[in-house]
N, C-alpha and C. Protein backbone atom coordinates (compact mmCIF):
# COMPACT_ATOMS: atom_id res chain seq x y z
N MET A 1 -34.93 51.38 77.91
CA MET A 1 -34.26 51.44 76.56
C MET A 1 -35.17 51.55 75.17
N THR A 2 -35.52 52.79 74.35
CA THR A 2 -36.40 52.64 73.16
C THR A 2 -35.53 52.31 71.82
N SER A 3 -36.42 51.62 70.75
CA SER A 3 -35.41 51.73 69.43
C SER A 3 -36.01 52.72 68.91
N PRO A 4 -35.34 53.18 67.73
CA PRO A 4 -35.22 53.99 67.13
C PRO A 4 -37.16 53.49 66.09
N SER A 5 -37.55 54.36 66.15
CA SER A 5 -38.81 54.52 65.12
C SER A 5 -38.79 54.99 63.25
N PHE A 6 -39.28 55.07 62.79
CA PHE A 6 -39.71 55.32 61.30
C PHE A 6 -40.21 56.06 60.84
N ASP A 7 -41.63 56.19 61.55
CA ASP A 7 -42.72 56.57 61.22
C ASP A 7 -42.46 57.92 61.76
N LYS A 8 -43.32 58.85 61.35
CA LYS A 8 -43.20 60.30 61.15
C LYS A 8 -44.16 61.41 61.96
N ASP A 9 -44.93 60.38 62.16
CA ASP A 9 -45.93 61.09 63.38
C ASP A 9 -46.31 59.86 64.66
N THR A 10 -45.17 59.37 64.95
CA THR A 10 -45.11 58.61 65.80
C THR A 10 -43.51 59.38 67.11
N PRO A 11 -43.26 60.06 67.97
CA PRO A 11 -41.84 60.15 68.34
C PRO A 11 -41.05 59.03 68.78
N GLN A 12 -39.89 59.65 69.43
CA GLN A 12 -38.87 58.42 68.74
C GLN A 12 -39.32 57.30 70.02
N GLY A 13 -38.80 56.80 70.03
CA GLY A 13 -39.52 55.14 70.28
C GLY A 13 -40.32 53.72 69.92
N GLY A 14 -41.19 55.31 68.62
CA GLY A 14 -42.51 53.97 68.33
C GLY A 14 -44.15 54.12 69.23
N GLN A 15 -43.82 54.92 70.20
CA GLN A 15 -44.97 54.74 70.84
C GLN A 15 -45.94 56.15 69.97
N PRO A 16 -47.27 56.25 70.75
CA PRO A 16 -47.46 57.10 69.99
C PRO A 16 -47.85 58.83 71.14
N HIS A 17 -47.97 59.70 71.18
CA HIS A 17 -47.86 60.79 72.07
C HIS A 17 -48.11 60.41 73.09
N GLY A 18 -47.89 60.46 74.37
CA GLY A 18 -48.31 60.15 75.77
C GLY A 18 -49.14 59.02 75.87
N GLN A 19 -47.89 58.21 75.39
CA GLN A 19 -48.19 56.45 76.03
C GLN A 19 -46.87 55.89 76.04
N GLN A 20 -46.93 54.40 77.25
CA GLN A 20 -45.65 54.57 77.25
C GLN A 20 -45.74 52.69 77.26
N GLN A 21 -45.43 51.96 76.99
CA GLN A 21 -44.89 50.71 76.90
C GLN A 21 -45.85 49.29 78.06
N PRO A 22 -45.91 48.97 78.80
CA PRO A 22 -46.06 48.86 80.63
C PRO A 22 -45.31 47.43 80.70
N TYR A 23 -44.60 48.11 81.89
CA TYR A 23 -43.44 46.97 82.01
C TYR A 23 -43.76 45.06 81.79
N GLY A 24 -42.41 44.22 81.87
CA GLY A 24 -43.06 43.46 81.39
C GLY A 24 -43.84 43.04 79.75
N GLN A 25 -44.38 44.64 79.19
CA GLN A 25 -45.51 43.74 77.93
C GLN A 25 -44.62 43.66 76.73
N PRO A 26 -43.97 43.20 75.86
CA PRO A 26 -43.33 42.79 74.67
C PRO A 26 -43.84 43.85 73.92
N TYR A 27 -42.77 44.44 73.18
CA TYR A 27 -42.91 45.13 72.63
C TYR A 27 -43.66 44.58 71.35
N GLY A 28 -44.91 45.88 70.99
CA GLY A 28 -46.18 45.52 69.43
C GLY A 28 -47.27 45.43 70.37
N GLN A 29 -47.14 44.87 70.99
CA GLN A 29 -48.61 43.85 71.82
C GLN A 29 -49.55 44.69 72.83
N PRO A 30 -50.56 44.82 72.10
CA PRO A 30 -51.95 46.20 72.44
C PRO A 30 -52.00 45.65 73.97
N HIS A 31 -52.02 46.69 74.63
CA HIS A 31 -52.66 47.03 76.49
C HIS A 31 -53.25 46.07 76.40
N GLY A 32 -53.57 45.47 77.73
CA GLY A 32 -54.60 44.27 78.09
C GLY A 32 -54.46 42.56 77.52
N LEU A 33 -53.94 42.73 76.70
CA LEU A 33 -53.69 41.25 76.37
C LEU A 33 -52.78 39.81 76.69
N PRO A 34 -53.51 39.39 76.78
CA PRO A 34 -51.37 37.93 77.44
C PRO A 34 -51.02 38.16 76.37
N HIS A 35 -49.68 37.31 76.72
CA HIS A 35 -48.45 37.37 75.87
C HIS A 35 -49.23 36.17 74.46
N GLY A 36 -48.84 36.59 73.15
CA GLY A 36 -49.54 35.24 72.31
C GLY A 36 -50.68 35.21 71.99
N GLN A 37 -51.80 35.83 72.78
CA GLN A 37 -52.95 36.34 72.39
C GLN A 37 -52.50 37.72 71.07
N GLN A 38 -53.66 37.81 69.41
CA GLN A 38 -54.24 38.81 69.10
C GLN A 38 -55.49 39.17 68.97
N GLY A 39 -54.44 41.26 68.73
CA GLY A 39 -55.83 42.23 68.64
C GLY A 39 -56.30 42.28 67.49
N PRO A 40 -57.38 42.85 66.96
CA PRO A 40 -58.03 43.42 66.41
C PRO A 40 -56.84 44.15 65.45
N GLY A 41 -57.62 43.86 63.58
CA GLY A 41 -56.77 44.12 63.18
C GLY A 41 -55.57 43.17 62.28
N PRO A 42 -54.47 43.66 62.01
CA PRO A 42 -54.08 42.67 60.56
C PRO A 42 -53.60 41.69 61.51
N ALA A 43 -52.70 40.68 61.19
CA ALA A 43 -51.46 40.39 62.00
C ALA A 43 -49.98 40.46 61.75
N PRO A 44 -48.45 41.17 62.47
CA PRO A 44 -47.72 41.35 60.99
C PRO A 44 -46.94 39.94 61.27
N TYR A 45 -46.21 39.78 60.10
CA TYR A 45 -45.65 38.90 59.07
C TYR A 45 -46.65 38.32 58.65
N GLY A 46 -47.67 38.26 58.45
CA GLY A 46 -47.86 37.36 56.98
C GLY A 46 -48.73 36.47 58.62
N GLY A 47 -49.42 36.06 60.04
CA GLY A 47 -50.63 36.27 60.97
C GLY A 47 -49.84 35.81 62.09
N GLY A 48 -48.66 36.04 62.30
CA GLY A 48 -48.70 35.26 63.33
C GLY A 48 -47.85 33.40 63.27
N PHE A 49 -48.91 32.95 64.47
CA PHE A 49 -48.52 31.82 64.50
C PHE A 49 -49.29 31.12 63.73
N GLY A 50 -48.48 30.05 63.08
CA GLY A 50 -50.15 29.52 61.99
C GLY A 50 -50.63 29.77 61.07
N GLY A 51 -50.14 30.79 60.23
CA GLY A 51 -50.44 32.25 59.98
C GLY A 51 -50.21 31.51 57.92
N PRO A 52 -50.55 31.96 57.36
CA PRO A 52 -49.70 31.94 56.22
C PRO A 52 -48.43 32.41 55.95
N SER A 53 -46.88 32.45 55.52
CA SER A 53 -45.95 32.47 55.80
C SER A 53 -45.88 33.16 54.68
N PRO A 54 -44.75 34.78 54.80
CA PRO A 54 -44.21 35.60 54.06
C PRO A 54 -43.04 35.64 53.00
N TYR A 55 -43.13 34.54 53.26
CA TYR A 55 -41.71 33.54 52.86
C TYR A 55 -42.13 33.04 51.43
N GLY A 56 -43.27 33.07 51.39
CA GLY A 56 -44.23 31.71 50.29
C GLY A 56 -44.50 30.07 50.53
N GLY A 57 -44.38 29.54 49.46
CA GLY A 57 -45.14 28.58 50.27
C GLY A 57 -46.74 28.36 49.37
N GLY A 58 -46.35 28.86 48.58
CA GLY A 58 -48.41 28.72 47.81
C GLY A 58 -48.94 30.20 47.72
N ALA A 59 -49.32 30.25 46.96
CA ALA A 59 -49.71 31.75 46.36
C ALA A 59 -51.04 31.93 46.48
N PRO A 60 -51.36 32.99 46.84
CA PRO A 60 -53.10 33.01 47.41
C PRO A 60 -53.59 32.55 46.47
N ALA A 61 -55.13 32.54 46.11
CA ALA A 61 -55.60 32.47 44.63
C ALA A 61 -56.14 34.13 44.15
N GLY A 62 -55.55 33.95 43.06
CA GLY A 62 -55.42 35.08 42.86
C GLY A 62 -54.64 36.05 42.07
N ARG A 63 -53.51 35.41 42.78
CA ARG A 63 -51.53 36.10 42.80
C ARG A 63 -51.26 35.51 42.03
N ARG A 64 -50.51 36.53 40.79
CA ARG A 64 -50.11 35.75 39.52
C ARG A 64 -48.37 35.50 40.48
N PRO A 65 -48.23 33.98 39.48
CA PRO A 65 -47.03 33.59 40.15
C PRO A 65 -46.01 34.23 39.71
N GLY A 66 -44.64 34.16 40.24
CA GLY A 66 -43.15 34.50 39.86
C GLY A 66 -43.06 33.97 38.11
N THR A 67 -43.96 33.06 37.70
CA THR A 67 -43.30 32.48 36.70
C THR A 67 -43.71 33.04 35.60
N VAL A 68 -45.12 33.54 35.15
CA VAL A 68 -45.77 34.13 34.87
C VAL A 68 -45.11 35.73 35.21
N THR A 69 -44.72 35.89 35.94
CA THR A 69 -44.85 37.88 35.97
C THR A 69 -43.10 37.72 34.75
N ALA A 70 -42.47 36.49 34.64
CA ALA A 70 -41.23 36.50 34.45
C ALA A 70 -41.09 36.12 33.06
N ALA A 71 -42.00 35.67 33.12
CA ALA A 71 -43.19 35.48 31.04
C ALA A 71 -42.57 36.18 30.22
N ALA A 72 -44.07 37.65 30.79
CA ALA A 72 -43.91 38.61 31.07
C ALA A 72 -43.05 39.90 30.68
N VAL A 73 -42.65 39.72 32.06
CA VAL A 73 -41.27 40.64 31.79
C VAL A 73 -40.47 40.79 30.34
N ILE A 74 -39.85 39.97 30.55
CA ILE A 74 -38.56 39.09 29.17
C ILE A 74 -39.74 39.67 28.49
N GLY A 75 -41.31 38.73 27.82
CA GLY A 75 -41.39 39.63 26.96
C GLY A 75 -41.70 40.74 25.97
N ILE A 76 -41.16 41.67 27.32
CA ILE A 76 -41.96 42.71 27.73
C ILE A 76 -40.70 44.12 27.06
N VAL A 77 -39.64 43.69 27.56
CA VAL A 77 -37.86 43.57 27.73
C VAL A 77 -37.48 43.46 26.29
N TRP A 78 -37.47 42.05 25.84
CA TRP A 78 -37.32 41.57 24.21
C TRP A 78 -37.76 42.25 22.99
N GLY A 79 -39.26 42.47 23.52
CA GLY A 79 -40.18 43.25 22.74
C GLY A 79 -40.29 44.43 22.51
N GLY A 80 -39.36 44.85 23.98
CA GLY A 80 -39.26 46.25 23.52
C GLY A 80 -38.21 46.71 22.79
N LEU A 81 -37.21 46.08 23.12
CA LEU A 81 -35.80 45.86 22.32
C LEU A 81 -35.65 45.99 20.73
N GLY A 82 -35.96 45.06 20.73
CA GLY A 82 -36.04 44.62 19.34
C GLY A 82 -37.33 45.98 18.30
N THR A 83 -39.01 45.90 18.71
CA THR A 83 -39.14 47.60 18.40
C THR A 83 -38.45 48.11 18.33
N LEU A 84 -37.54 48.92 19.49
CA LEU A 84 -36.76 50.02 18.96
C LEU A 84 -35.13 49.74 17.95
N PHE A 85 -34.54 48.55 18.44
CA PHE A 85 -34.04 48.57 17.46
C PHE A 85 -34.36 49.03 16.03
N GLY A 86 -35.04 48.16 15.39
CA GLY A 86 -35.76 47.14 14.54
C GLY A 86 -36.56 48.67 13.95
N LEU A 87 -37.17 49.81 14.49
CA LEU A 87 -37.83 50.82 13.87
C LEU A 87 -36.16 51.85 13.47
N LEU A 88 -35.21 51.95 14.35
CA LEU A 88 -35.06 52.63 13.88
C LEU A 88 -33.22 51.76 12.55
N ALA A 89 -32.71 50.37 12.49
CA ALA A 89 -32.94 50.03 11.47
C ALA A 89 -33.86 49.91 10.07
N LEU A 90 -34.90 49.92 9.65
CA LEU A 90 -36.47 49.49 8.81
C LEU A 90 -35.37 50.54 8.08
N GLY A 91 -35.46 51.45 7.57
CA GLY A 91 -35.47 53.15 6.74
C GLY A 91 -33.98 52.70 6.11
N VAL A 92 -32.02 51.79 7.23
CA VAL A 92 -31.69 51.35 6.10
C VAL A 92 -31.41 50.60 5.97
N ALA A 93 -32.39 49.72 6.28
CA ALA A 93 -32.32 48.49 5.32
C ALA A 93 -33.42 48.05 4.46
N PHE A 94 -34.30 48.92 3.91
CA PHE A 94 -34.98 48.94 2.85
C PHE A 94 -34.01 49.74 1.78
N ALA A 95 -33.09 51.03 2.59
CA ALA A 95 -32.22 51.14 1.20
C ALA A 95 -30.70 50.40 0.94
N ILE A 96 -31.51 49.72 1.55
CA ILE A 96 -29.96 48.36 0.91
C ILE A 96 -30.37 47.16 0.34
N SER A 97 -31.42 46.72 0.38
CA SER A 97 -32.24 46.16 -0.19
C SER A 97 -33.83 45.63 0.58
N GLY A 98 -34.59 45.30 -0.51
CA GLY A 98 -35.45 45.55 0.02
C GLY A 98 -36.47 43.81 0.08
N LEU A 99 -35.40 42.98 0.37
CA LEU A 99 -35.97 40.94 0.84
C LEU A 99 -34.90 41.43 1.92
N LEU A 100 -34.03 42.51 2.63
CA LEU A 100 -33.55 42.97 3.94
C LEU A 100 -34.34 43.88 4.41
N GLY A 101 -35.35 44.64 4.12
CA GLY A 101 -36.16 44.85 5.15
C GLY A 101 -37.43 44.62 5.10
N LEU A 102 -37.11 43.38 3.97
CA LEU A 102 -39.06 42.41 4.44
C LEU A 102 -38.98 41.79 5.71
N VAL A 103 -37.93 41.36 5.64
CA VAL A 103 -37.18 40.17 7.19
C VAL A 103 -36.95 41.56 8.37
N LEU A 104 -36.77 42.30 8.19
CA LEU A 104 -36.28 43.54 9.33
C LEU A 104 -37.88 44.12 9.77
N LEU A 105 -38.55 43.96 8.64
CA LEU A 105 -40.32 44.14 8.46
C LEU A 105 -40.82 43.69 9.89
N LEU A 106 -40.23 42.33 9.34
CA LEU A 106 -40.94 40.84 9.57
C LEU A 106 -40.71 40.78 11.69
N SER A 107 -39.34 40.98 11.33
CA SER A 107 -38.65 40.94 13.01
C SER A 107 -39.01 41.99 13.99
N THR A 108 -39.34 42.93 12.79
CA THR A 108 -40.43 43.99 14.33
C THR A 108 -41.35 43.92 14.61
N ALA A 109 -42.36 43.30 13.54
CA ALA A 109 -43.36 42.65 14.32
C ALA A 109 -43.47 41.73 14.76
N LEU A 110 -42.61 41.13 15.03
CA LEU A 110 -42.90 39.86 15.94
C LEU A 110 -42.08 40.92 17.02
N SER A 111 -41.23 41.33 17.46
CA SER A 111 -40.48 42.29 17.90
C SER A 111 -42.49 42.99 19.39
N VAL A 112 -43.20 43.52 18.14
CA VAL A 112 -44.32 44.27 18.44
C VAL A 112 -45.27 43.11 19.05
N GLY A 113 -45.12 41.63 19.07
CA GLY A 113 -46.18 40.98 19.19
C GLY A 113 -45.60 40.61 21.00
N LEU A 114 -44.42 40.61 20.48
CA LEU A 114 -44.10 39.95 22.19
C LEU A 114 -43.98 40.71 23.35
N LEU A 115 -44.35 42.09 22.84
CA LEU A 115 -43.97 43.43 23.55
C LEU A 115 -45.44 43.37 24.30
N VAL A 116 -46.15 43.47 23.28
CA VAL A 116 -48.26 43.64 23.45
C VAL A 116 -48.25 41.78 24.10
N GLY A 117 -47.71 41.54 23.50
CA GLY A 117 -48.69 39.95 24.59
C GLY A 117 -48.05 39.92 26.03
N GLY A 118 -46.99 40.55 26.25
CA GLY A 118 -45.81 40.25 27.14
C GLY A 118 -47.30 41.34 28.67
N ILE A 119 -47.02 42.02 27.79
CA ILE A 119 -48.63 43.28 28.71
C ILE A 119 -49.07 43.23 28.98
N SER A 120 -50.09 42.07 27.83
CA SER A 120 -51.46 41.53 28.39
C SER A 120 -51.54 40.68 28.78
N VAL A 121 -50.58 39.73 29.49
CA VAL A 121 -50.48 39.13 30.21
C VAL A 121 -50.01 39.73 32.01
N LEU A 122 -49.39 41.00 31.72
CA LEU A 122 -48.96 41.14 32.74
C LEU A 122 -50.34 41.82 33.68
N ASN A 123 -51.70 42.28 31.99
CA ASN A 123 -52.67 43.01 32.60
C ASN A 123 -53.94 41.47 32.85
N GLY A 124 -53.28 40.67 33.49
CA GLY A 124 -55.02 39.22 33.06
C GLY A 124 -55.23 38.70 31.98
N ARG A 125 -54.56 38.81 30.91
CA ARG A 125 -55.68 38.18 30.03
C ARG A 125 -54.02 37.28 29.35
N PRO A 126 -55.54 36.35 29.10
CA PRO A 126 -54.65 34.79 28.25
C PRO A 126 -53.22 35.25 27.69
N PRO A 127 -52.53 33.84 27.85
CA PRO A 127 -51.39 34.19 27.06
C PRO A 127 -50.95 33.26 26.22
N LYS A 128 -51.74 33.54 25.20
CA LYS A 128 -52.33 32.94 24.17
C LYS A 128 -51.04 33.85 22.66
N LEU A 129 -50.80 34.91 22.84
CA LEU A 129 -50.55 35.89 21.61
C LEU A 129 -48.62 35.73 22.40
N LEU A 130 -48.39 35.37 23.25
CA LEU A 130 -47.04 35.73 24.43
C LEU A 130 -46.50 33.97 23.70
N LEU A 131 -47.80 32.72 23.84
CA LEU A 131 -47.37 31.95 22.98
C LEU A 131 -46.52 31.93 21.72
N VAL A 132 -47.64 31.77 20.99
CA VAL A 132 -47.70 31.99 19.99
C VAL A 132 -46.61 33.15 19.03
N ILE A 133 -46.74 33.96 19.54
CA ILE A 133 -45.17 34.85 18.76
C ILE A 133 -44.16 34.29 19.32
N SER A 134 -43.84 33.61 20.40
CA SER A 134 -42.77 32.54 20.74
C SER A 134 -42.30 31.70 19.88
N TYR A 135 -43.12 30.37 19.73
CA TYR A 135 -43.45 29.90 19.19
C TYR A 135 -42.53 30.49 17.15
N VAL A 136 -42.99 31.14 17.02
CA VAL A 136 -43.04 32.14 15.31
C VAL A 136 -42.05 32.38 15.61
N ALA A 137 -40.97 33.43 16.95
CA ALA A 137 -39.63 33.64 16.57
C ALA A 137 -39.10 32.61 16.69
N ILE A 138 -38.95 31.73 17.11
CA ILE A 138 -37.91 30.34 17.15
C ILE A 138 -37.86 29.71 15.80
N ALA A 139 -39.12 29.79 15.28
CA ALA A 139 -39.51 29.42 14.09
C ALA A 139 -38.72 30.22 13.11
N ILE A 140 -39.37 31.18 12.91
CA ILE A 140 -37.82 32.04 11.91
C ILE A 140 -36.03 32.22 12.83
N ASN A 141 -36.15 32.08 13.70
CA ASN A 141 -35.10 31.93 14.17
C ASN A 141 -34.31 30.51 13.32
N VAL A 142 -34.66 29.68 13.63
CA VAL A 142 -34.38 28.29 12.47
C VAL A 142 -34.52 28.68 11.25
N ILE A 143 -35.45 29.07 11.03
CA ILE A 143 -35.38 29.39 8.99
C ILE A 143 -33.56 29.96 9.46
N SER A 144 -33.25 31.45 9.17
CA SER A 144 -32.96 31.97 9.63
C SER A 144 -31.50 31.81 9.58
N LEU A 145 -31.53 30.77 10.78
CA LEU A 145 -30.40 29.82 10.65
C LEU A 145 -29.56 29.13 10.04
N VAL A 146 -30.26 28.66 9.42
CA VAL A 146 -30.31 27.69 8.35
C VAL A 146 -30.17 28.36 6.80
N VAL A 147 -30.51 29.42 6.71
CA VAL A 147 -30.59 30.00 5.80
C VAL A 147 -28.15 30.81 5.48
N SER A 148 -28.53 31.24 6.45
CA SER A 148 -26.88 31.62 6.86
C SER A 148 -26.51 30.90 6.91
N LEU A 149 -26.38 29.36 7.45
CA LEU A 149 -25.84 28.48 7.27
C LEU A 149 -25.16 28.03 5.46
N ALA A 150 -26.65 27.89 4.80
CA ALA A 150 -26.81 27.70 3.87
C ALA A 150 -25.79 28.62 2.96
N SER A 151 -25.81 29.42 3.52
CA SER A 151 -25.76 31.03 1.99
C SER A 151 -24.36 31.18 2.45
N SER A 152 -24.21 31.19 3.87
CA SER A 152 -22.91 32.36 3.85
C SER A 152 -21.64 31.55 4.75
N GLY A 153 -22.17 30.16 5.24
CA GLY A 153 -20.73 29.53 6.11
C GLY A 153 -21.14 29.82 7.80
N GLY A 154 -22.69 30.36 7.82
CA GLY A 154 -22.13 32.09 9.12
C GLY A 154 -22.02 30.50 10.49
N SER A 155 -21.80 31.31 11.32
CA SER A 155 -21.29 30.68 12.40
C SER A 155 -22.92 30.30 12.81
N ALA A 156 -23.06 29.02 14.62
CA ALA A 156 -23.87 28.34 14.44
C ALA A 156 -24.46 29.50 15.60
N PHE A 157 -23.79 29.89 16.18
CA PHE A 157 -24.43 31.11 17.14
C PHE A 157 -25.22 32.36 16.89
N ASN A 158 -24.55 32.48 15.65
CA ASN A 158 -25.65 33.86 14.84
C ASN A 158 -26.89 33.21 15.51
N GLY A 159 -27.67 34.70 16.43
CA GLY A 159 -28.80 34.66 16.26
C GLY A 159 -29.30 33.75 17.90
N VAL A 160 -28.21 33.78 18.25
CA VAL A 160 -28.76 32.29 19.25
C VAL A 160 -29.65 32.96 20.69
N LEU A 161 -29.29 33.65 21.34
CA LEU A 161 -30.20 34.07 21.97
C LEU A 161 -31.94 34.04 21.26
N GLY A 162 -32.09 34.43 20.30
CA GLY A 162 -33.27 34.04 19.54
C GLY A 162 -34.13 33.04 19.36
N PHE A 163 -33.31 31.89 19.86
CA PHE A 163 -33.92 31.00 20.66
C PHE A 163 -34.30 30.73 22.31
N ILE A 164 -32.92 31.20 22.89
CA ILE A 164 -33.12 31.69 24.08
C ILE A 164 -34.37 31.90 25.04
N LEU A 165 -34.18 33.66 24.59
CA LEU A 165 -35.57 34.15 25.50
C LEU A 165 -36.64 33.23 25.23
N PRO A 166 -37.31 33.71 23.68
CA PRO A 166 -38.59 32.74 23.80
C PRO A 166 -38.56 31.28 24.15
N GLY A 167 -37.67 30.49 23.86
CA GLY A 167 -37.98 28.99 24.78
C GLY A 167 -37.86 29.60 26.44
N ILE A 168 -37.39 30.11 26.78
CA ILE A 168 -37.50 30.66 28.55
C ILE A 168 -39.21 31.53 28.66
N VAL A 169 -39.00 31.40 27.86
CA VAL A 169 -41.13 32.22 28.14
C VAL A 169 -41.43 30.90 27.64
N ILE A 170 -41.69 30.60 26.88
CA ILE A 170 -42.45 29.23 26.85
C ILE A 170 -42.59 28.09 28.01
N ALA A 171 -41.12 28.07 28.17
CA ALA A 171 -40.73 27.38 29.08
C ALA A 171 -41.81 27.96 30.50
N LEU A 172 -41.53 29.18 31.28
CA LEU A 172 -41.97 29.59 31.73
C LEU A 172 -43.76 30.04 32.38
N LEU A 173 -43.82 29.66 30.81
CA LEU A 173 -45.63 29.17 30.75
C LEU A 173 -46.14 27.87 30.74
N VAL A 174 -45.32 27.15 30.86
CA VAL A 174 -45.82 25.45 30.40
C VAL A 174 -45.58 25.08 31.87
N GLN A 175 -45.15 25.88 32.82
CA GLN A 175 -44.82 25.69 34.53
C GLN A 175 -46.18 25.08 34.93
N PRO A 176 -45.97 24.39 35.88
CA PRO A 176 -47.63 23.72 36.19
C PRO A 176 -48.11 24.99 37.12
N ALA A 177 -47.25 26.07 37.73
CA ALA A 177 -47.82 27.50 38.32
C ALA A 177 -48.59 28.48 37.99
N SER A 178 -48.25 28.04 36.45
CA SER A 178 -48.21 29.41 35.87
C SER A 178 -49.86 28.35 34.96
N LYS A 179 -49.74 27.35 34.10
CA LYS A 179 -50.96 26.98 33.96
C LYS A 179 -52.50 26.37 35.20
N GLN A 180 -52.49 26.47 36.53
CA GLN A 180 -53.42 26.50 37.52
C GLN A 180 -52.95 27.64 37.85
N TYR A 181 -52.70 29.01 37.38
CA TYR A 181 -53.23 30.34 37.50
C TYR A 181 -53.91 30.79 36.50
N PHE A 182 -53.35 29.95 34.92
CA PHE A 182 -54.21 30.92 34.65
C PHE A 182 -55.98 29.90 34.14
N ALA A 183 -55.75 29.35 34.98
CA ALA A 183 -57.34 27.67 34.67
C ALA A 183 -57.24 27.90 35.73
N ALA A 184 -57.12 28.57 37.43
CA ALA A 184 -58.10 29.39 38.20
C ALA A 184 -59.10 30.39 37.31
N ARG A 185 -58.27 31.46 36.75
CA ARG A 185 -59.31 32.66 35.45
C ARG A 185 -59.13 32.12 35.09
N GLY A 186 -60.42 31.09 34.58
CA GLY A 186 -60.85 30.20 33.46
C GLY A 186 -60.32 31.27 32.17
N GLN A 187 -59.09 31.20 32.61
CA GLN A 187 -58.08 31.08 30.56
C GLN A 187 -57.77 29.60 30.44
N SER A 188 -57.60 29.96 28.87
CA SER A 188 -56.14 28.28 28.75
C SER A 188 -56.17 29.35 27.33
N TYR A 189 -55.39 28.14 27.56
CA TYR A 189 -54.22 28.11 26.54
C TYR A 189 -53.65 27.27 25.67
């Protein structure tokens, strides 16, 4: 019985035109090799027995860990959304109040910084910009929260997302895997 092939260059059954798998030979083994020995070329599924696992267990040298990727993606998404909405609201904010316009301009500049910092981390540059912008965003959110609570008795939940997402970015970038990745590249932060 043959199994279906998803390769457009091989006929149904998975074997190239005119070749049949010998009887008793395990499917996918090259002709003439005893069972268990690898032929030339890349080994399937991460190297076979004793090779690196395809399911993790340590990132190879030079491979970006998931913590760094996640921090960069959060920075890009949060920065992109903040930039978009900040630019849309800037005209209205300056028409209402000059102070409100300046605060929104500062917030938009921070969003652009998060966006640029996330992109630079994905491009293999040091995470200094992303970290500094995340710390500044947390500090500005603390000041904003204190002013909001003092002036209008606003809710403590105002701007909570402004603490959480930059905090997650910082937490991801200070993980040992992230530090080892940047140290192996000769980058410090």
